[in-house]
Amino acid sequence: MSRVLRVEPGQRFELSDNHSVYLAEVSEAARDWVRFRVLEELEAVEPPLQLTVYASLIKFDRFELLVEKATELGVAALMPVRAERSESGLLEAASKRVERWRRIARESSQQSRRARVPEIGAPTRLADVLDQPPGLRFYLEEEPGAQLLVSLLPPPPTRRRGDLAALALGPEGGWTAAERQGLRAAGWTPAALGPLILRAETAAMAGMVILMQAWWEFASG
């Protein structure tokens, strides 16, 4: 802040400790540190839907974009998973990228003025997380026959602030038959985004927008 923004005493900023948001004023600024005086606690706007995204690993430049946009859209957590059609070696290489993804999430949280940074989980295999998330569970399905995601959502009067949901996203090659069977057996519902063929990161953003907007508009309590 001192070297790049060249802050001076009297300037005001919004600060977060990953729980609350405060309006604070710079009281002292040195080369290697800045001291703030907290003026007041601000209302922290929390997304009404606690959405966990299970994102199949894709090329890392696109996965970084996915992390950034998921954070901006308000997801609670993003879990990288290896699907059967994920490119070979991605799971092992992903373990070296987690800290970078967490840094991206932290920076995106600051940009979007979120009170809390979403959790970015350690990479794992899809089969190891199928039974974990409670609440509504959807997986994006590109095969014909699946209902549109928007039509599968609970009616507006039943949506409540704090509801839990999970969204599983396939890799570029799509889910295998075995993965579809495993997802359905674990209680996940197939959901479509329409007839157009979308790239994995585009489908991810579309699915997240549909879910988050549905609760921003109607969630109560």
C-alpha atoms as a PDB file:
ATOM      1  CA  MET A   1       0.000   0.000   0.000  1.00  0.00           C
ATOM      2  CA  SER A   2       2.857   2.384   0.757  1.00  0.00           C
ATOM      3  CA  ARG A   3       4.965   1.571  -2.292  1.00  0.00           C
ATOM      4  CA  VAL A   4       2.270   1.134  -4.933  1.00  0.00           C
ATOM      5  CA  LEU A   5      -0.752   3.118  -3.747  1.00  0.00           C
ATOM      6  CA  ARG A   6       1.384   5.619  -1.806  1.00  0.00           C
ATOM      7  CA  VAL A   7      -1.236   5.893   0.908  1.00  0.00           C
ATOM      8  CA  GLU A   8      -1.198   8.809   3.279  1.00  0.00           C
ATOM      9  CA  PRO A   9      -2.743   9.438   6.712  1.00  0.00           C
ATOM     10  CA  GLY A  10      -6.394  10.363   6.452  1.00  0.00           C
ATOM     11  CA  GLN A  11      -7.212   8.149   3.487  1.00  0.00           C
ATOM     12  CA  ARG A  12     -10.059   5.712   4.066  1.00  0.00           C
ATOM     13  CA  PHE A  13     -10.401   2.084   2.994  1.00  0.00           C
ATOM     14  CA  GLU A  14     -12.738  -0.827   3.522  1.00  0.00           C
ATOM     15  CA  LEU A  15     -11.005  -3.699   5.319  1.00  0.00           C
ATOM     16  CA  SER A  16     -12.055  -7.285   5.929  1.00  0.00           C
ATOM     17  CA  ASP A  17     -10.727  -9.893   8.354  1.00  0.00           C
ATOM     18  CA  ASN A  18     -12.531 -12.632   6.361  1.00  0.00           C
ATOM     19  CA  HIS A  19     -15.515 -12.365   8.708  1.00  0.00           C
ATOM     20  CA  SER A  20     -16.542  -8.714   8.926  1.00  0.00           C
ATOM     21  CA  VAL A  21     -16.021  -5.528   6.914  1.00  0.00           C
ATOM     22  CA  TYR A  22     -14.839  -2.250   8.432  1.00  0.00           C
ATOM     23  CA  LEU A  23     -14.391   1.330   7.322  1.00  0.00           C
ATOM     24  CA  ALA A  24     -10.916   2.358   8.438  1.00  0.00           C
ATOM     25  CA  GLU A  25      -8.693   5.401   8.147  1.00  0.00           C
ATOM     26  CA  VAL A  26      -4.931   5.393   7.668  1.00  0.00           C
ATOM     27  CA  SER A  27      -3.362   6.805  10.818  1.00  0.00           C
ATOM     28  CA  GLU A  28       0.298   6.130   9.957  1.00  0.00           C
ATOM     29  CA  ALA A  29       2.067   4.937   6.811  1.00  0.00           C
ATOM     30  CA  ALA A  30       5.676   3.788   6.617  1.00  0.00           C
ATOM     31  CA  ARG A  31       7.628   2.046   3.884  1.00  0.00           C
ATOM     32  CA  ASP A  32       6.915  -1.470   5.187  1.00  0.00           C
ATOM     33  CA  TRP A  33       3.685  -1.082   7.146  1.00  0.00           C
ATOM     34  CA  VAL A  34       0.434   0.835   7.377  1.00  0.00           C
ATOM     35  CA  ARG A  35      -1.558   1.423  10.551  1.00  0.00           C
ATOM     36  CA  PHE A  36      -5.316   1.901  10.405  1.00  0.00           C
ATOM     37  CA  ARG A  37      -7.881   3.295  12.807  1.00  0.00           C
ATOM     38  CA  VAL A  38     -11.219   1.499  12.556  1.00  0.00           C
ATOM     39  CA  LEU A  39     -14.084   3.969  12.213  1.00  0.00           C
ATOM     40  CA  GLU A  40     -17.066   1.636  12.008  1.00  0.00           C
ATOM     41  CA  GLU A  41     -18.177  -1.847  11.102  1.00  0.00           C
ATOM     42  CA  LEU A  42     -20.010  -1.991   7.785  1.00  0.00           C
ATOM     43  CA  GLU A  43     -22.829  -4.286   6.807  1.00  0.00           C
ATOM     44  CA  ALA A  44     -21.370  -7.323   5.063  1.00  0.00           C
ATOM     45  CA  VAL A  45     -23.488  -8.595   2.195  1.00  0.00           C
ATOM     46  CA  GLU A  46     -23.291 -12.377   2.126  1.00  0.00           C
ATOM     47  CA  PRO A  47     -24.600 -14.421  -0.820  1.00  0.00           C
ATOM     48  CA  PRO A  48     -27.901 -16.040   0.181  1.00  0.00           C
ATOM     49  CA  LEU A  49     -26.975 -19.394  -1.401  1.00  0.00           C
ATOM     50  CA  GLN A  50     -24.050 -21.392  -0.050  1.00  0.00           C
ATOM     51  CA  LEU A  51     -22.902 -22.880  -3.345  1.00  0.00           C
ATOM     52  CA  THR A  52     -20.056 -25.372  -3.616  1.00  0.00           C
ATOM     53  CA  VAL A  53     -18.712 -25.951  -7.115  1.00  0.00           C
ATOM     54  CA  TYR A  54     -16.983 -29.213  -7.995  1.00  0.00           C
ATOM     55  CA  ALA A  55     -15.023 -28.250 -11.086  1.00  0.00           C
ATOM     56  CA  SER A  56     -13.314 -30.856 -13.228  1.00  0.00           C
ATOM     57  CA  LEU A  57      -9.742 -29.923 -13.977  1.00  0.00           C
ATOM     58  CA  ILE A  58      -9.191 -28.240 -17.336  1.00  0.00           C
ATOM     59  CA  LYS A  59      -6.256 -26.347 -18.809  1.00  0.00           C
ATOM     60  CA  PHE A  60      -4.895 -24.182 -16.055  1.00  0.00           C
ATOM     61  CA  ASP A  61      -5.295 -20.796 -17.753  1.00  0.00           C
ATOM     62  CA  ARG A  62      -9.012 -21.515 -18.125  1.00  0.00           C
ATOM     63  CA  PHE A  63      -9.252 -22.955 -14.627  1.00  0.00           C
ATOM     64  CA  GLU A  64      -7.787 -19.741 -13.238  1.00  0.00           C
ATOM     65  CA  LEU A  65     -10.497 -17.804 -15.056  1.00  0.00           C
ATOM     66  CA  LEU A  66     -13.068 -20.137 -13.507  1.00  0.00           C
ATOM     67  CA  VAL A  67     -11.661 -19.486 -10.007  1.00  0.00           C
ATOM     68  CA  GLU A  68     -11.784 -15.745 -10.570  1.00  0.00           C
ATOM     69  CA  LYS A  69     -15.361 -15.689 -11.864  1.00  0.00           C
ATOM     70  CA  ALA A  70     -16.649 -18.148  -9.268  1.00  0.00           C
ATOM     71  CA  THR A  71     -15.313 -15.820  -6.581  1.00  0.00           C
ATOM     72  CA  GLU A  72     -16.902 -12.762  -8.162  1.00  0.00           C
ATOM     73  CA  LEU A  73     -20.241 -14.562  -8.421  1.00  0.00           C
ATOM     74  CA  GLY A  74     -20.257 -15.400  -4.721  1.00  0.00           C
ATOM     75  CA  VAL A  75     -19.656 -19.141  -4.470  1.00  0.00           C
ATOM     76  CA  ALA A  76     -18.799 -20.432  -1.010  1.00  0.00           C
ATOM     77  CA  ALA A  77     -16.280 -23.035  -2.148  1.00  0.00           C
ATOM     78  CA  LEU A  78     -14.642 -24.397  -5.270  1.00  0.00           C
ATOM     79  CA  MET A  79     -13.285 -27.935  -5.258  1.00  0.00           C
ATOM     80  CA  PRO A  80     -11.000 -29.033  -8.127  1.00  0.00           C
ATOM     81  CA  VAL A  81     -11.718 -32.641  -9.139  1.00  0.00           C
ATOM     82  CA  ARG A  82     -10.199 -35.016 -11.644  1.00  0.00           C
ATOM     83  CA  ALA A  83     -12.745 -36.550 -13.988  1.00  0.00           C
ATOM     84  CA  GLU A  84     -11.983 -39.554 -16.144  1.00  0.00           C
ATOM     85  CA  ARG A  85     -11.622 -37.365 -19.221  1.00  0.00           C
ATOM     86  CA  SER A  86      -9.520 -34.691 -17.571  1.00  0.00           C
ATOM     87  CA  GLU A  87      -6.174 -34.430 -19.305  1.00  0.00           C
ATOM     88  CA  SER A  88      -3.540 -36.841 -18.048  1.00  0.00           C
ATOM     89  CA  GLY A  89      -1.333 -35.435 -15.306  1.00  0.00           C
ATOM     90  CA  LEU A  90      -3.608 -32.562 -14.333  1.00  0.00           C
ATOM     91  CA  LEU A  91      -4.394 -33.909 -10.856  1.00  0.00           C
ATOM     92  CA  GLU A  92      -0.731 -34.168  -9.868  1.00  0.00           C
ATOM     93  CA  ALA A  93       0.137 -30.812 -11.406  1.00  0.00           C
ATOM     94  CA  ALA A  94      -2.896 -29.166  -9.813  1.00  0.00           C
ATOM     95  CA  SER A  95      -1.554 -29.758  -6.309  1.00  0.00           C
ATOM     96  CA  LYS A  96       1.226 -27.300  -7.142  1.00  0.00           C
ATOM     97  CA  ARG A  97      -1.298 -24.689  -8.277  1.00  0.00           C
ATOM     98  CA  VAL A  98      -3.602 -24.597  -5.260  1.00  0.00           C
ATOM     99  CA  GLU A  99      -1.848 -21.707  -3.536  1.00  0.00           C
ATOM    100  CA  ARG A 100      -1.937 -19.711  -6.756  1.00  0.00           C
ATOM    101  CA  TRP A 101      -5.683 -20.395  -7.095  1.00  0.00           C
ATOM    102  CA  ARG A 102      -6.219 -19.329  -3.492  1.00  0.00           C
ATOM    103  CA  ARG A 103      -4.338 -16.103  -4.160  1.00  0.00           C
ATOM    104  CA  ILE A 104      -6.527 -15.463  -7.212  1.00  0.00           C
ATOM    105  CA  ALA A 105      -9.615 -16.053  -5.071  1.00  0.00           C
ATOM    106  CA  ARG A 106      -8.357 -13.658  -2.413  1.00  0.00           C
ATOM    107  CA  GLU A 107      -7.615 -10.930  -4.961  1.00  0.00           C
ATOM    108  CA  SER A 108     -10.984 -11.467  -6.674  1.00  0.00           C
ATOM    109  CA  SER A 109     -12.728 -11.243  -3.306  1.00  0.00           C
ATOM    110  CA  GLN A 110     -11.130  -7.858  -2.723  1.00  0.00           C
ATOM    111  CA  GLN A 111     -12.141  -6.659  -6.177  1.00  0.00           C
ATOM    112  CA  SER A 112     -15.754  -7.750  -5.724  1.00  0.00           C
ATOM    113  CA  ARG A 113     -15.884  -6.482  -2.105  1.00  0.00           C
ATOM    114  CA  ARG A 114     -16.712  -9.849  -0.606  1.00  0.00           C
ATOM    115  CA  ALA A 115     -16.499 -10.174   3.157  1.00  0.00           C
ATOM    116  CA  ARG A 116     -15.176 -13.731   2.949  1.00  0.00           C
ATOM    117  CA  VAL A 117     -12.793 -15.481   0.597  1.00  0.00           C
ATOM    118  CA  PRO A 118     -14.236 -18.694  -0.859  1.00  0.00           C
ATOM    119  CA  GLU A 119     -12.604 -21.955   0.072  1.00  0.00           C
ATOM    120  CA  ILE A 120     -10.428 -23.436  -2.667  1.00  0.00           C
ATOM    121  CA  GLY A 121     -10.045 -27.119  -1.866  1.00  0.00           C
ATOM    122  CA  ALA A 122      -7.164 -29.459  -2.533  1.00  0.00           C
ATOM    123  CA  PRO A 123      -7.519 -31.351  -5.845  1.00  0.00           C
ATOM    124  CA  THR A 124      -9.157 -34.741  -5.509  1.00  0.00           C
ATOM    125  CA  ARG A 125     -10.929 -37.387  -7.555  1.00  0.00           C
ATOM    126  CA  LEU A 126     -14.595 -37.054  -8.420  1.00  0.00           C
ATOM    127  CA  ALA A 127     -15.441 -40.435  -6.923  1.00  0.00           C
ATOM    128  CA  ASP A 128     -14.113 -39.282  -3.532  1.00  0.00           C
ATOM    129  CA  VAL A 129     -16.542 -36.361  -3.170  1.00  0.00           C
ATOM    130  CA  LEU A 130     -19.840 -37.650  -4.577  1.00  0.00           C
ATOM    131  CA  ASP A 131     -21.407 -38.264  -1.149  1.00  0.00           C
ATOM    132  CA  GLN A 132     -20.053 -35.175   0.608  1.00  0.00           C
ATOM    133  CA  PRO A 133     -22.204 -32.118  -0.119  1.00  0.00           C
ATOM    134  CA  PRO A 134     -25.638 -31.754   1.495  1.00  0.00           C
ATOM    135  CA  GLY A 135     -28.523 -29.806  -0.010  1.00  0.00           C
ATOM    136  CA  LEU A 136     -29.412 -29.524  -3.683  1.00  0.00           C
ATOM    137  CA  ARG A 137     -26.980 -31.296  -5.991  1.00  0.00           C
ATOM    138  CA  PHE A 138     -26.799 -30.775  -9.750  1.00  0.00           C
ATOM    139  CA  TYR A 139     -24.340 -31.893 -12.387  1.00  0.00           C
ATOM    140  CA  LEU A 140     -24.211 -30.231 -15.769  1.00  0.00           C
ATOM    141  CA  GLU A 141     -25.193 -32.674 -18.503  1.00  0.00           C
ATOM    142  CA  GLU A 142     -24.515 -32.147 -22.202  1.00  0.00           C
ATOM    143  CA  GLU A 143     -26.327 -35.284 -23.355  1.00  0.00           C
ATOM    144  CA  PRO A 144     -29.915 -34.865 -24.677  1.00  0.00           C
ATOM    145  CA  GLY A 145     -32.786 -35.483 -22.288  1.00  0.00           C
ATOM    146  CA  ALA A 146     -31.753 -33.504 -19.213  1.00  0.00           C
ATOM    147  CA  GLN A 147     -34.074 -30.750 -17.997  1.00  0.00           C
ATOM    148  CA  LEU A 148     -32.883 -27.162 -18.012  1.00  0.00           C
ATOM    149  CA  LEU A 149     -31.198 -26.172 -14.769  1.00  0.00           C
ATOM    150  CA  VAL A 150     -33.524 -23.223 -14.270  1.00  0.00           C
ATOM    151  CA  SER A 151     -36.562 -25.524 -14.409  1.00  0.00           C
ATOM    152  CA  LEU A 152     -35.151 -27.783 -11.686  1.00  0.00           C
ATOM    153  CA  LEU A 153     -34.843 -25.102  -9.031  1.00  0.00           C
ATOM    154  CA  PRO A 154     -37.212 -25.164  -6.056  1.00  0.00           C
ATOM    155  CA  PRO A 155     -40.098 -22.679  -6.290  1.00  0.00           C
ATOM    156  CA  PRO A 156     -39.276 -19.148  -5.109  1.00  0.00           C
ATOM    157  CA  PRO A 157     -41.303 -19.278  -1.853  1.00  0.00           C
ATOM    158  CA  THR A 158     -39.216 -22.219  -0.626  1.00  0.00           C
ATOM    159  CA  ARG A 159     -35.807 -20.615  -1.211  1.00  0.00           C
ATOM    160  CA  ARG A 160     -34.197 -19.511   2.015  1.00  0.00           C
ATOM    161  CA  ARG A 161     -31.086 -17.549   2.872  1.00  0.00           C
ATOM    162  CA  GLY A 162     -28.395 -20.042   3.820  1.00  0.00           C
ATOM    163  CA  ASP A 163     -29.637 -22.842   1.556  1.00  0.00           C
ATOM    164  CA  LEU A 164     -26.942 -25.279   0.469  1.00  0.00           C
ATOM    165  CA  ALA A 165     -26.319 -26.362  -3.107  1.00  0.00           C
ATOM    166  CA  ALA A 166     -23.606 -28.078  -5.117  1.00  0.00           C
ATOM    167  CA  LEU A 167     -22.834 -27.946  -8.818  1.00  0.00           C
ATOM    168  CA  ALA A 168     -20.555 -30.467 -10.566  1.00  0.00           C
ATOM    169  CA  LEU A 169     -18.900 -29.464 -13.814  1.00  0.00           C
ATOM    170  CA  GLY A 170     -17.467 -31.915 -16.325  1.00  0.00           C
ATOM    171  CA  PRO A 171     -14.221 -31.595 -18.300  1.00  0.00           C
ATOM    172  CA  GLU A 172     -13.901 -30.650 -21.967  1.00  0.00           C
ATOM    173  CA  GLY A 173     -14.607 -34.232 -23.034  1.00  0.00           C
ATOM    174  CA  GLY A 174     -17.731 -34.498 -20.895  1.00  0.00           C
ATOM    175  CA  TRP A 175     -18.714 -37.117 -18.340  1.00  0.00           C
ATOM    176  CA  THR A 176     -18.266 -40.816 -18.991  1.00  0.00           C
ATOM    177  CA  ALA A 177     -21.187 -43.242 -18.651  1.00  0.00           C
ATOM    178  CA  ALA A 178     -19.695 -44.558 -15.409  1.00  0.00           C
ATOM    179  CA  GLU A 179     -19.424 -41.050 -13.964  1.00  0.00           C
ATOM    180  CA  ARG A 180     -23.022 -40.274 -14.865  1.00  0.00           C
ATOM    181  CA  GLN A 181     -24.137 -43.476 -13.184  1.00  0.00           C
ATOM    182  CA  GLY A 182     -22.118 -42.645 -10.069  1.00  0.00           C
ATOM    183  CA  LEU A 183     -23.475 -39.122  -9.877  1.00  0.00           C
ATOM    184  CA  ARG A 184     -27.084 -40.251 -10.195  1.00  0.00           C
ATOM    185  CA  ALA A 185     -26.587 -43.066  -7.688  1.00  0.00           C
ATOM    186  CA  ALA A 186     -25.239 -40.508  -5.188  1.00  0.00           C
ATOM    187  CA  GLY A 187     -28.327 -38.323  -5.590  1.00  0.00           C
ATOM    188  CA  TRP A 188     -27.106 -35.753  -8.092  1.00  0.00           C
ATOM    189  CA  THR A 189     -29.601 -34.414 -10.647  1.00  0.00           C
ATOM    190  CA  PRO A 190     -28.564 -33.953 -14.299  1.00  0.00           C
ATOM    191  CA  ALA A 191     -29.173 -30.400 -15.534  1.00  0.00           C
ATOM    192  CA  ALA A 192     -28.832 -28.842 -18.960  1.00  0.00           C
ATOM    193  CA  LEU A 193     -27.994 -25.309 -20.076  1.00  0.00           C
ATOM    194  CA  GLY A 194     -29.582 -25.510 -23.509  1.00  0.00           C
ATOM    195  CA  PRO A 195     -28.770 -27.026 -26.897  1.00  0.00           C
ATOM    196  CA  LEU A 196     -25.555 -25.103 -27.643  1.00  0.00           C
ATOM    197  CA  ILE A 197     -22.164 -26.697 -27.014  1.00  0.00           C
ATOM    198  CA  LEU A 198     -20.290 -24.659 -24.402  1.00  0.00           C
ATOM    199  CA  ARG A 199     -16.690 -24.776 -23.311  1.00  0.00           C
ATOM    200  CA  ALA A 200     -16.210 -26.094 -19.801  1.00  0.00           C
ATOM    201  CA  GLU A 201     -15.478 -22.693 -18.260  1.00  0.00           C
ATOM    202  CA  THR A 202     -18.399 -21.070 -20.086  1.00  0.00           C
ATOM    203  CA  ALA A 203     -20.793 -23.766 -18.878  1.00  0.00           C
ATOM    204  CA  ALA A 204     -19.440 -23.319 -15.365  1.00  0.00           C
ATOM    205  CA  MET A 205     -20.116 -19.591 -15.343  1.00  0.00           C
ATOM    206  CA  ALA A 206     -23.590 -20.029 -16.836  1.00  0.00           C
ATOM    207  CA  GLY A 207     -24.540 -22.607 -14.211  1.00  0.00           C
ATOM    208  CA  MET A 208     -23.216 -20.496 -11.350  1.00  0.00           C
ATOM    209  CA  VAL A 209     -25.055 -17.396 -12.566  1.00  0.00           C
ATOM    210  CA  ILE A 210     -28.375 -19.250 -12.813  1.00  0.00           C
ATOM    211  CA  LEU A 211     -28.114 -20.608  -9.273  1.00  0.00           C
ATOM    212  CA  MET A 212     -26.785 -17.498  -7.563  1.00  0.00           C
ATOM    213  CA  GLN A 213     -29.233 -15.137  -9.254  1.00  0.00           C
ATOM    214  CA  ALA A 214     -32.173 -17.370  -8.362  1.00  0.00           C
ATOM    215  CA  TRP A 215     -31.386 -16.942  -4.655  1.00  0.00           C
ATOM    216  CA  TRP A 216     -30.392 -13.280  -4.820  1.00  0.00           C
ATOM    217  CA  GLU A 217     -33.820 -12.525  -6.233  1.00  0.00           C
ATOM    218  CA  PHE A 218     -36.057 -14.670  -4.061  1.00  0.00           C
ATOM    219  CA  ALA A 219     -34.262 -15.868  -0.926  1.00  0.00           C
ATOM    220  CA  SER A 220     -35.920 -14.826   2.319  1.00  0.00           C
ATOM    221  CA  GLY A 221     -35.177 -15.115   5.981  1.00  0.00           C
END
